[in-house]
Amino acid sequence: MQTKQYDLTGFNNFLNTIIPPSEMCHLLVQLAFEHVQAVEDGALNHFKDNMSTIELMYDQFYKLAEQE
């Protein structure tokens, strides 16, 4: 598997000037709780997919927040 190099300048700027990783973690947790309250019967698979995405993002932002 070939490693790809990404230009993360925009993302780095986002974290340093718009919202710090710790605040993003807080917002992702809020989003998860709000999503739990809004889920309707029959949308369980969609809910699970969304929660998996939120979990992946949270894990990465949490690692960054530990560096603050």
PDB file of N, CA and C in Angstrom:
ATOM      1  N   MET A   1       0.839  -1.177   0.000  1.00  0.00           N
ATOM      2  CA  MET A   1       0.000   0.000   0.000  1.00  0.00           C
ATOM      3  C   MET A   1       0.886   1.242   0.000  1.00  0.00           C
ATOM      4  N   GLN A   2       0.632   2.116  -0.923  1.00  0.00           N
ATOM      5  CA  GLN A   2       1.422   3.335  -1.048  1.00  0.00           C
ATOM      6  C   GLN A   2       0.889   4.409  -0.106  1.00  0.00           C
ATOM      7  N   THR A   3       1.800   5.038   0.624  1.00  0.00           N
ATOM      8  CA  THR A   3       1.422   6.120   1.521  1.00  0.00           C
ATOM      9  C   THR A   3       1.228   7.396   0.719  1.00  0.00           C
ATOM     10  N   LYS A   4       0.114   8.044   0.949  1.00  0.00           N
ATOM     11  CA  LYS A   4      -0.196   9.279   0.244  1.00  0.00           C
ATOM     12  C   LYS A   4       0.059  10.466   1.165  1.00  0.00           C
ATOM     13  N   GLN A   5       0.652  11.497   0.628  1.00  0.00           N
ATOM     14  CA  GLN A   5       0.906  12.711   1.385  1.00  0.00           C
ATOM     15  C   GLN A   5      -0.201  13.720   1.104  1.00  0.00           C
ATOM     16  N   TYR A   6      -0.830  14.228   2.166  1.00  0.00           N
ATOM     17  CA  TYR A   6      -1.906  15.184   2.028  1.00  0.00           C
ATOM     18  C   TYR A   6      -1.443  16.555   2.500  1.00  0.00           C
ATOM     19  N   ASP A   7      -1.934  17.585   1.851  1.00  0.00           N
ATOM     20  CA  ASP A   7      -1.683  18.951   2.305  1.00  0.00           C
ATOM     21  C   ASP A   7      -2.750  19.276   3.353  1.00  0.00           C
ATOM     22  N   LEU A   8      -2.360  19.292   4.593  1.00  0.00           N
ATOM     23  CA  LEU A   8      -3.289  19.530   5.693  1.00  0.00           C
ATOM     24  C   LEU A   8      -3.248  20.963   6.201  1.00  0.00           C
ATOM     25  N   THR A   9      -2.759  21.874   5.376  1.00  0.00           N
ATOM     26  CA  THR A   9      -2.653  23.278   5.759  1.00  0.00           C
ATOM     27  C   THR A   9      -4.006  23.844   6.179  1.00  0.00           C
ATOM     28  N   GLY A  10      -5.042  23.590   5.390  1.00  0.00           N
ATOM     29  CA  GLY A  10      -6.375  24.099   5.713  1.00  0.00           C
ATOM     30  C   GLY A  10      -6.912  23.513   7.005  1.00  0.00           C
ATOM     31  N   PHE A  11      -6.697  22.223   7.206  1.00  0.00           N
ATOM     32  CA  PHE A  11      -7.157  21.562   8.421  1.00  0.00           C
ATOM     33  C   PHE A  11      -6.397  22.096   9.634  1.00  0.00           C
ATOM     34  N   ASN A  12      -5.101  22.274   9.483  1.00  0.00           N
ATOM     35  CA  ASN A  12      -4.282  22.824  10.564  1.00  0.00           C
ATOM     36  C   ASN A  12      -4.748  24.240  10.915  1.00  0.00           C
ATOM     37  N   ASN A  13      -5.032  25.045   9.911  1.00  0.00           N
ATOM     38  CA  ASN A  13      -5.544  26.396  10.133  1.00  0.00           C
ATOM     39  C   ASN A  13      -6.893  26.340  10.854  1.00  0.00           C
ATOM     40  N   PHE A  14      -7.739  25.425  10.442  1.00  0.00           N
ATOM     41  CA  PHE A  14      -9.048  25.235  11.078  1.00  0.00           C
ATOM     42  C   PHE A  14      -8.882  24.963  12.573  1.00  0.00           C
ATOM     43  N   LEU A  15      -7.964  24.052  12.925  1.00  0.00           N
ATOM     44  CA  LEU A  15      -7.772  23.686  14.326  1.00  0.00           C
ATOM     45  C   LEU A  15      -7.113  24.793  15.140  1.00  0.00           C
ATOM     46  N   ASN A  16      -6.292  25.593  14.497  1.00  0.00           N
ATOM     47  CA  ASN A  16      -5.567  26.633  15.230  1.00  0.00           C
ATOM     48  C   ASN A  16      -6.292  27.968  15.300  1.00  0.00           C
ATOM     49  N   THR A  17      -7.232  28.219  14.382  1.00  0.00           N
ATOM     50  CA  THR A  17      -7.882  29.532  14.377  1.00  0.00           C
ATOM     51  C   THR A  17      -9.400  29.479  14.502  1.00  0.00           C
ATOM     52  N   ILE A  18     -10.014  28.371  14.152  1.00  0.00           N
ATOM     53  CA  ILE A  18     -11.482  28.300  14.160  1.00  0.00           C
ATOM     54  C   ILE A  18     -11.995  27.597  15.416  1.00  0.00           C
ATOM     55  N   ILE A  19     -11.561  26.358  15.618  1.00  0.00           N
ATOM     56  CA  ILE A  19     -12.053  25.575  16.751  1.00  0.00           C
ATOM     57  C   ILE A  19     -10.962  24.602  17.195  1.00  0.00           C
ATOM     58  N   PRO A  20     -10.626  24.607  18.480  1.00  0.00           N
ATOM     59  CA  PRO A  20      -9.603  23.675  18.955  1.00  0.00           C
ATOM     60  C   PRO A  20     -10.164  22.249  19.051  1.00  0.00           C
ATOM     61  N   PRO A  21      -9.300  21.258  19.024  1.00  0.00           N
ATOM     62  CA  PRO A  21      -9.760  19.866  19.080  1.00  0.00           C
ATOM     63  C   PRO A  21     -10.639  19.555  20.288  1.00  0.00           C
ATOM     64  N   SER A  22     -10.346  20.131  21.437  1.00  0.00           N
ATOM     65  CA  SER A  22     -11.162  19.857  22.623  1.00  0.00           C
ATOM     66  C   SER A  22     -12.598  20.336  22.433  1.00  0.00           C
ATOM     67  N   GLU A  23     -12.781  21.483  21.796  1.00  0.00           N
ATOM     68  CA  GLU A  23     -14.137  21.991  21.527  1.00  0.00           C
ATOM     69  C   GLU A  23     -14.832  21.109  20.495  1.00  0.00           C
ATOM     70  N   MET A  24     -14.086  20.633  19.496  1.00  0.00           N
ATOM     71  CA  MET A  24     -14.680  19.737  18.504  1.00  0.00           C
ATOM     72  C   MET A  24     -15.143  18.441  19.168  1.00  0.00           C
ATOM     73  N   CYS A  25     -14.374  17.927  20.118  1.00  0.00           N
ATOM     74  CA  CYS A  25     -14.795  16.733  20.866  1.00  0.00           C
ATOM     75  C   CYS A  25     -16.119  16.994  21.572  1.00  0.00           C
ATOM     76  N   HIS A  26     -16.211  18.139  22.225  1.00  0.00           N
ATOM     77  CA  HIS A  26     -17.445  18.512  22.923  1.00  0.00           C
ATOM     78  C   HIS A  26     -18.629  18.572  21.945  1.00  0.00           C
ATOM     79  N   LEU A  27     -18.429  19.192  20.801  1.00  0.00           N
ATOM     80  CA  LEU A  27     -19.509  19.305  19.821  1.00  0.00           C
ATOM     81  C   LEU A  27     -19.911  17.944  19.252  1.00  0.00           C
ATOM     82  N   LEU A  28     -18.944  17.057  19.042  1.00  0.00           N
ATOM     83  CA  LEU A  28     -19.263  15.722  18.529  1.00  0.00           C
ATOM     84  C   LEU A  28     -20.076  14.919  19.543  1.00  0.00           C
ATOM     85  N   VAL A  29     -19.754  15.063  20.823  1.00  0.00           N
ATOM     86  CA  VAL A  29     -20.533  14.368  21.859  1.00  0.00           C
ATOM     87  C   VAL A  29     -21.950  14.923  21.901  1.00  0.00           C
ATOM     88  N   GLN A  30     -22.088  16.244  21.829  1.00  0.00           N
ATOM     89  CA  GLN A  30     -23.424  16.851  21.785  1.00  0.00           C
ATOM     90  C   GLN A  30     -24.213  16.342  20.584  1.00  0.00           C
ATOM     91  N   LEU A  31     -23.570  16.301  19.426  1.00  0.00           N
ATOM     92  CA  LEU A  31     -24.218  15.816  18.211  1.00  0.00           C
ATOM     93  C   LEU A  31     -24.686  14.381  18.385  1.00  0.00           C
ATOM     94  N   ALA A  32     -23.861  13.553  18.994  1.00  0.00           N
ATOM     95  CA  ALA A  32     -24.236  12.152  19.224  1.00  0.00           C
ATOM     96  C   ALA A  32     -25.470  12.063  20.108  1.00  0.00           C
ATOM     97  N   PHE A  33     -25.503  12.823  21.205  1.00  0.00           N
ATOM     98  CA  PHE A  33     -26.666  12.786  22.088  1.00  0.00           C
ATOM     99  C   PHE A  33     -27.923  13.303  21.404  1.00  0.00           C
ATOM    100  N   GLU A  34     -27.793  14.353  20.635  1.00  0.00           N
ATOM    101  CA  GLU A  34     -28.944  14.879  19.902  1.00  0.00           C
ATOM    102  C   GLU A  34     -29.431  13.874  18.866  1.00  0.00           C
ATOM    103  N   HIS A  35     -28.504  13.180  18.237  1.00  0.00           N
ATOM    104  CA  HIS A  35     -28.867  12.182  17.226  1.00  0.00           C
ATOM    105  C   HIS A  35     -29.606  11.019  17.871  1.00  0.00           C
ATOM    106  N   VAL A  36     -29.180  10.622  19.066  1.00  0.00           N
ATOM    107  CA  VAL A  36     -29.861   9.543  19.785  1.00  0.00           C
ATOM    108  C   VAL A  36     -31.309   9.933  20.062  1.00  0.00           C
ATOM    109  N   GLN A  37     -31.527  11.170  20.451  1.00  0.00           N
ATOM    110  CA  GLN A  37     -32.876  11.625  20.762  1.00  0.00           C
ATOM    111  C   GLN A  37     -33.750  11.715  19.520  1.00  0.00           C
ATOM    112  N   ALA A  38     -33.153  11.950  18.369  1.00  0.00           N
ATOM    113  CA  ALA A  38     -33.919  12.170  17.151  1.00  0.00           C
ATOM    114  C   ALA A  38     -34.168  10.900  16.348  1.00  0.00           C
ATOM    115  N   VAL A  39     -33.499   9.799  16.695  1.00  0.00           N
ATOM    116  CA  VAL A  39     -33.638   8.581  15.879  1.00  0.00           C
ATOM    117  C   VAL A  39     -35.069   8.047  15.950  1.00  0.00           C
ATOM    118  N   GLU A  40     -35.548   7.632  14.815  1.00  0.00           N
ATOM    119  CA  GLU A  40     -36.904   7.092  14.713  1.00  0.00           C
ATOM    120  C   GLU A  40     -36.829   5.591  14.479  1.00  0.00           C
ATOM    121  N   ASP A  41     -37.892   4.891  14.806  1.00  0.00           N
ATOM    122  CA  ASP A  41     -37.946   3.456  14.518  1.00  0.00           C
ATOM    123  C   ASP A  41     -37.751   3.250  13.032  1.00  0.00           C
ATOM    124  N   GLY A  42     -36.981   2.243  12.678  1.00  0.00           N
ATOM    125  CA  GLY A  42     -36.741   1.951  11.270  1.00  0.00           C
ATOM    126  C   GLY A  42     -35.501   2.615  10.718  1.00  0.00           C
ATOM    127  N   ALA A  43     -34.909   3.522  11.460  1.00  0.00           N
ATOM    128  CA  ALA A  43     -33.715   4.215  10.995  1.00  0.00           C
ATOM    129  C   ALA A  43     -32.483   3.757  11.767  1.00  0.00           C
ATOM    130  N   LEU A  44     -32.557   2.574  12.342  1.00  0.00           N
ATOM    131  CA  LEU A  44     -31.487   2.109  13.209  1.00  0.00           C
ATOM    132  C   LEU A  44     -30.165   1.926  12.470  1.00  0.00           C
ATOM    133  N   ASN A  45     -30.187   1.372  11.269  1.00  0.00           N
ATOM    134  CA  ASN A  45     -28.942   1.184  10.524  1.00  0.00           C
ATOM    135  C   ASN A  45     -28.303   2.527  10.162  1.00  0.00           C
ATOM    136  N   HIS A  46     -29.111   3.486   9.773  1.00  0.00           N
ATOM    137  CA  HIS A  46     -28.610   4.830   9.467  1.00  0.00           C
ATOM    138  C   HIS A  46     -27.988   5.450  10.714  1.00  0.00           C
ATOM    139  N   PHE A  47     -28.664   5.289  11.831  1.00  0.00           N
ATOM    140  CA  PHE A  47     -28.160   5.794  13.105  1.00  0.00           C
ATOM    141  C   PHE A  47     -26.814   5.164  13.447  1.00  0.00           C
ATOM    142  N   LYS A  48     -26.698   3.846  13.289  1.00  0.00           N
ATOM    143  CA  LYS A  48     -25.451   3.147  13.590  1.00  0.00           C
ATOM    144  C   LYS A  48     -24.313   3.636  12.697  1.00  0.00           C
ATOM    145  N   ASP A  49     -24.587   3.838  11.426  1.00  0.00           N
ATOM    146  CA  ASP A  49     -23.566   4.342  10.506  1.00  0.00           C
ATOM    147  C   ASP A  49     -23.093   5.736  10.932  1.00  0.00           C
ATOM    148  N   ASN A  50     -24.044   6.599  11.262  1.00  0.00           N
ATOM    149  CA  ASN A  50     -23.695   7.956  11.689  1.00  0.00           C
ATOM    150  C   ASN A  50     -22.890   7.941  12.989  1.00  0.00           C
ATOM    151  N   MET A  51     -23.285   7.092  13.923  1.00  0.00           N
ATOM    152  CA  MET A  51     -22.568   7.020  15.188  1.00  0.00           C
ATOM    153  C   MET A  51     -21.149   6.489  14.979  1.00  0.00           C
ATOM    154  N   SER A  52     -20.969   5.576  14.055  1.00  0.00           N
ATOM    155  CA  SER A  52     -19.622   5.075  13.743  1.00  0.00           C
ATOM    156  C   SER A  52     -18.736   6.194  13.210  1.00  0.00           C
ATOM    157  N   THR A  53     -19.307   7.037  12.357  1.00  0.00           N
ATOM    158  CA  THR A  53     -18.565   8.173  11.816  1.00  0.00           C
ATOM    159  C   THR A  53     -18.202   9.150  12.919  1.00  0.00           C
ATOM    160  N   ILE A  54     -19.152   9.448  13.785  1.00  0.00           N
ATOM    161  CA  ILE A  54     -18.895  10.356  14.899  1.00  0.00           C
ATOM    162  C   ILE A  54     -17.814   9.777  15.801  1.00  0.00           C
ATOM    163  N   GLU A  55     -17.858   8.486  16.054  1.00  0.00           N
ATOM    164  CA  GLU A  55     -16.850   7.849  16.906  1.00  0.00           C
ATOM    165  C   GLU A  55     -15.457   7.953  16.300  1.00  0.00           C
ATOM    166  N   LEU A  56     -15.334   7.714  15.003  1.00  0.00           N
ATOM    167  CA  LEU A  56     -14.039   7.825  14.337  1.00  0.00           C
ATOM    168  C   LEU A  56     -13.485   9.248  14.437  1.00  0.00           C
ATOM    169  N   MET A  57     -14.344  10.223  14.190  1.00  0.00           N
ATOM    170  CA  MET A  57     -13.918  11.619  14.270  1.00  0.00           C
ATOM    171  C   MET A  57     -13.544  11.983  15.708  1.00  0.00           C
ATOM    172  N   TYR A  58     -14.363  11.572  16.650  1.00  0.00           N
ATOM    173  CA  TYR A  58     -14.100  11.880  18.053  1.00  0.00           C
ATOM    174  C   TYR A  58     -12.745  11.330  18.485  1.00  0.00           C
ATOM    175  N   ASP A  59     -12.477  10.084  18.141  1.00  0.00           N
ATOM    176  CA  ASP A  59     -11.207   9.470  18.524  1.00  0.00           C
ATOM    177  C   ASP A  59     -10.014  10.278  18.033  1.00  0.00           C
ATOM    178  N   GLN A  60     -10.069  10.736  16.790  1.00  0.00           N
ATOM    179  CA  GLN A  60      -8.955  11.498  16.230  1.00  0.00           C
ATOM    180  C   GLN A  60      -8.841  12.889  16.856  1.00  0.00           C
ATOM    181  N   PHE A  61      -9.967  13.559  17.051  1.00  0.00           N
ATOM    182  CA  PHE A  61      -9.926  14.881  17.690  1.00  0.00           C
ATOM    183  C   PHE A  61      -9.508  14.775  19.150  1.00  0.00           C
ATOM    184  N   TYR A  62      -9.877  13.699  19.817  1.00  0.00           N
ATOM    185  CA  TYR A  62      -9.478  13.497  21.205  1.00  0.00           C
ATOM    186  C   TYR A  62      -7.953  13.358  21.294  1.00  0.00           C
ATOM    187  N   LYS A  63      -7.358  12.624  20.376  1.00  0.00           N
ATOM    188  CA  LYS A  63      -5.900  12.493  20.343  1.00  0.00           C
ATOM    189  C   LYS A  63      -5.245  13.860  20.151  1.00  0.00           C
ATOM    190  N   LEU A  64      -5.826  14.684  19.290  1.00  0.00           N
ATOM    191  CA  LEU A  64      -5.292  16.034  19.091  1.00  0.00           C
ATOM    192  C   LEU A  64      -5.497  16.900  20.327  1.00  0.00           C
ATOM    193  N   ALA A  65      -6.643  16.745  20.974  1.00  0.00           N
ATOM    194  CA  ALA A  65      -6.934  17.542  22.172  1.00  0.00           C
ATOM    195  C   ALA A  65      -5.948  17.233  23.289  1.00  0.00           C
ATOM    196  N   GLU A  66      -5.481  16.003  23.359  1.00  0.00           N
ATOM    197  CA  GLU A  66      -4.509  15.635  24.393  1.00  0.00           C
ATOM    198  C   GLU A  66      -3.188  16.372  24.186  1.00  0.00           C
ATOM    199  N   GLN A  67      -2.947  16.871  22.990  1.00  0.00           N
ATOM    200  CA  GLN A  67      -1.711  17.589  22.679  1.00  0.00           C
ATOM    201  C   GLN A  67      -1.804  19.077  23.031  1.00  0.00           C
ATOM    202  N   GLU A  68      -3.014  19.557  23.328  1.00  0.00           N
ATOM    203  CA  GLU A  68      -3.194  20.986  23.622  1.00  0.00           C
ATOM    204  C   GLU A  68      -2.507  21.364  24.926  1.00  0.00           C
TER     205      GLU A  68
END
